[in-house]
Amino acid sequence: MTNLWPEQYAGSQQCSVHLPSYISGYVDGEGCFTVSISPRPTLSVGWEVRPGFSVSQNGDRDEVLLVIQEYFGCGTIRPDRSDRTVKWETRSLVPLLERVLPHFQRYPLMSGKQRDVELFGGICFRMARGEHRTMAGLHAIAHDASEMNPSGKRRYRLADIIGAGVEMKA
């Protein structure tokens, strides 16, 4: 059997690595799929929905973030002041739909974070159909987003988002 992937280097040792599998494993430990929902009075439903996928690493070991950025062909690398790491992230819907989500369909995560990927994917597809611009779509997206990242912090509760939408319509 022929190795389709070129040899990669890990430190000073040369080894053969299947890059897509490596990236999925890395994301399983250091990645995050999020959907931010913030008030925006100028939008028709009063809320902005922003999907995001990021991977963090200590600054002195950020080589892998460059590999991930090149692999997906999108995103930016920036310092994350909240925990003094470096973060690669993409928030653009098209690369999420065309590059990131297909990768994780083919190379799924092995932890409970896979459920976050599935919910995230559903939200991105709803957004591509414009559902985030309707109250019913926003409510469905907010519900699924509230099921993601159970240990994460949330600025707005599901009830805040849904309740605000009801008040706006009244």
Protein backbone atom coordinates (compact mmCIF):
# COMPACT_ATOMS: atom_id res chain seq x y z
CA MET A 1 0.00 0.00 0.00
CA THR A 2 1.34 3.39 -0.97
CA ASN A 3 1.36 6.22 1.57
CA LEU A 4 -0.59 9.06 -0.07
CA TRP A 5 0.66 11.66 2.38
CA PRO A 6 4.21 12.97 2.40
CA GLU A 7 6.36 12.32 5.41
CA GLN A 8 5.93 14.91 8.12
CA TYR A 9 8.42 15.86 10.79
CA ALA A 10 7.70 15.73 14.51
CA GLY A 11 10.47 17.46 16.38
CA SER A 12 13.80 15.95 15.39
CA GLN A 13 12.28 12.59 14.44
CA GLN A 14 10.99 11.82 10.99
CA CYS A 15 7.68 9.94 10.93
CA SER A 16 4.83 9.24 8.60
CA VAL A 17 1.62 11.05 9.57
CA HIS A 18 -1.83 10.91 7.99
CA LEU A 19 -2.45 14.66 8.23
CA PRO A 20 -6.29 14.67 8.14
CA SER A 21 -6.45 12.14 10.99
CA TYR A 22 -3.83 14.07 12.94
CA ILE A 23 -5.83 17.29 12.54
CA SER A 24 -9.04 15.63 13.78
CA GLY A 25 -7.21 14.24 16.80
CA TYR A 26 -5.65 17.61 17.52
CA VAL A 27 -9.00 19.39 17.22
CA ASP A 28 -10.57 16.81 19.54
CA GLY A 29 -8.25 18.06 22.26
CA GLU A 30 -7.59 21.71 21.42
CA GLY A 31 -10.40 22.80 19.09
CA CYS A 32 -13.69 24.58 19.67
CA PHE A 33 -16.84 24.95 17.59
CA THR A 34 -18.91 27.93 18.72
CA VAL A 35 -21.91 29.96 17.67
CA SER A 36 -22.02 33.50 19.04
CA ILE A 37 -25.40 35.18 19.21
CA SER A 38 -25.31 38.89 20.03
CA PRO A 39 -27.91 41.67 20.03
CA ARG A 40 -27.86 43.79 16.86
CA PRO A 41 -30.85 46.17 16.75
CA THR A 42 -30.20 47.03 13.10
CA LEU A 43 -30.83 43.43 11.96
CA SER A 44 -34.36 42.28 11.17
CA VAL A 45 -34.50 39.77 14.04
CA GLY A 46 -32.42 41.94 16.39
CA TRP A 47 -29.66 39.34 16.82
CA GLU A 48 -26.48 38.48 14.92
CA VAL A 49 -25.43 34.83 14.57
CA ARG A 50 -21.72 34.13 14.04
CA PRO A 51 -20.35 30.61 13.72
CA GLY A 52 -16.69 30.04 14.52
CA PHE A 53 -14.17 27.22 14.63
CA SER A 54 -10.86 27.67 16.42
CA VAL A 55 -7.83 25.75 17.60
CA SER A 56 -5.47 26.99 20.32
CA GLN A 57 -1.86 26.24 21.17
CA ASN A 58 0.90 27.65 23.33
CA GLY A 59 2.81 30.32 21.44
CA ASP A 60 6.08 28.39 21.47
CA ARG A 61 4.40 25.45 19.70
CA ASP A 62 2.29 27.21 17.10
CA GLU A 63 3.71 25.33 14.09
CA VAL A 64 0.69 23.05 14.06
CA LEU A 65 -1.62 26.07 13.70
CA LEU A 66 0.22 27.03 10.51
CA VAL A 67 -0.28 23.48 9.22
CA ILE A 68 -4.01 23.64 10.06
CA GLN A 69 -4.35 27.04 8.39
CA GLU A 70 -2.65 25.74 5.25
CA TYR A 71 -4.69 22.51 5.28
CA PHE A 72 -8.06 24.30 5.45
CA GLY A 73 -6.89 27.21 3.28
CA CYS A 74 -8.60 29.83 5.42
CA GLY A 75 -8.64 31.53 8.79
CA THR A 76 -6.31 33.75 10.75
CA ILE A 77 -3.81 33.21 13.53
CA ARG A 78 -3.83 35.66 16.42
CA PRO A 79 -2.82 35.90 20.07
CA ASP A 80 -5.54 35.01 22.55
CA ARG A 81 -5.04 37.31 25.52
CA SER A 82 -7.59 35.46 27.66
CA ASP A 83 -5.26 32.51 28.22
CA ARG A 84 -1.98 33.64 26.63
CA THR A 85 -2.15 31.14 23.79
CA VAL A 86 -2.17 31.54 20.04
CA LYS A 87 -5.39 30.78 18.19
CA TRP A 88 -6.19 29.86 14.60
CA GLU A 89 -9.82 30.58 13.76
CA THR A 90 -12.25 30.95 10.92
CA ARG A 91 -15.68 32.56 11.13
CA SER A 92 -16.48 32.71 7.42
CA LEU A 93 -19.50 30.60 6.50
CA VAL A 94 -18.32 29.48 3.05
CA PRO A 95 -15.02 27.89 4.19
CA LEU A 96 -16.83 26.35 7.16
CA LEU A 97 -19.35 24.72 4.80
CA GLU A 98 -16.97 23.83 1.98
CA ARG A 99 -13.77 22.84 3.82
CA VAL A 100 -14.12 22.44 7.58
CA LEU A 101 -17.38 20.52 7.91
CA PRO A 102 -16.63 18.06 5.06
CA HIS A 103 -13.32 17.28 6.79
CA PHE A 104 -15.06 16.36 10.03
CA GLN A 105 -17.66 14.30 8.20
CA ARG A 106 -14.87 12.24 6.67
CA TYR A 107 -12.62 12.26 9.77
CA PRO A 108 -14.99 12.54 12.76
CA LEU A 109 -13.89 13.34 16.28
CA MET A 110 -13.83 10.54 18.83
CA SER A 111 -15.03 12.47 21.89
CA GLY A 112 -18.35 14.00 22.80
CA LYS A 113 -17.15 17.07 20.90
CA GLN A 114 -18.39 15.30 17.75
CA ARG A 115 -21.93 16.23 18.84
CA ASP A 116 -20.84 19.89 18.82
CA VAL A 117 -19.59 19.41 15.24
CA GLU A 118 -22.96 17.96 14.20
CA LEU A 119 -24.96 20.77 15.86
CA PHE A 120 -22.54 23.34 14.45
CA GLY A 121 -22.92 21.89 10.96
CA GLY A 122 -26.70 22.05 11.20
CA ILE A 123 -26.51 25.69 12.27
CA CYS A 124 -24.15 26.57 9.40
CA PHE A 125 -26.48 24.93 6.87
CA ARG A 126 -29.46 26.81 8.34
CA MET A 127 -27.52 30.03 8.00
CA ALA A 128 -26.65 29.24 4.38
CA ARG A 129 -30.40 28.98 3.75
CA GLY A 130 -30.96 32.34 5.49
CA GLU A 131 -32.90 30.89 8.42
CA HIS A 132 -31.01 33.05 10.93
CA ARG A 133 -32.92 36.01 9.45
CA THR A 134 -36.29 34.73 10.67
CA MET A 135 -37.53 34.47 14.25
CA ALA A 136 -38.33 30.75 13.89
CA GLY A 137 -34.88 30.09 12.41
CA LEU A 138 -33.14 32.17 15.07
CA HIS A 139 -34.96 30.24 17.82
CA ALA A 140 -33.95 26.89 16.32
CA ILE A 141 -30.35 28.02 15.94
CA ALA A 142 -30.25 29.44 19.49
CA HIS A 143 -31.65 26.16 20.84
CA ASP A 144 -29.00 24.07 19.06
CA ALA A 145 -26.23 26.50 20.04
CA SER A 146 -27.31 26.20 23.69
CA GLU A 147 -26.72 22.43 23.43
CA MET A 148 -23.10 22.93 22.33
CA ASN A 149 -20.06 23.24 24.61
CA PRO A 150 -21.83 22.35 27.85
CA SER A 151 -18.92 23.62 29.95
CA GLY A 152 -18.61 26.91 28.03
CA LYS A 153 -19.60 30.39 29.16
CA ARG A 154 -22.59 32.12 27.64
CA ARG A 155 -23.24 35.81 27.58
CA TYR A 156 -26.93 35.39 26.67
CA ARG A 157 -29.17 32.54 27.79
CA LEU A 158 -31.53 30.82 25.40
CA ALA A 159 -34.49 32.37 27.22
CA ASP A 160 -32.97 35.85 26.74
CA ILE A 161 -32.70 35.38 22.98
CA ILE A 162 -36.11 33.81 22.50
CA GLY A 163 -37.80 36.21 24.94
CA ALA A 164 -36.26 39.25 23.26
CA GLY A 165 -37.57 38.07 19.91
CA VAL A 166 -41.08 37.75 21.31
CA GLU A 167 -40.91 41.23 22.83
CA MET A 168 -39.65 42.70 19.55
CA LYS A 169 -42.59 41.25 17.58
CA ALA A 170 -45.23 42.37 20.07
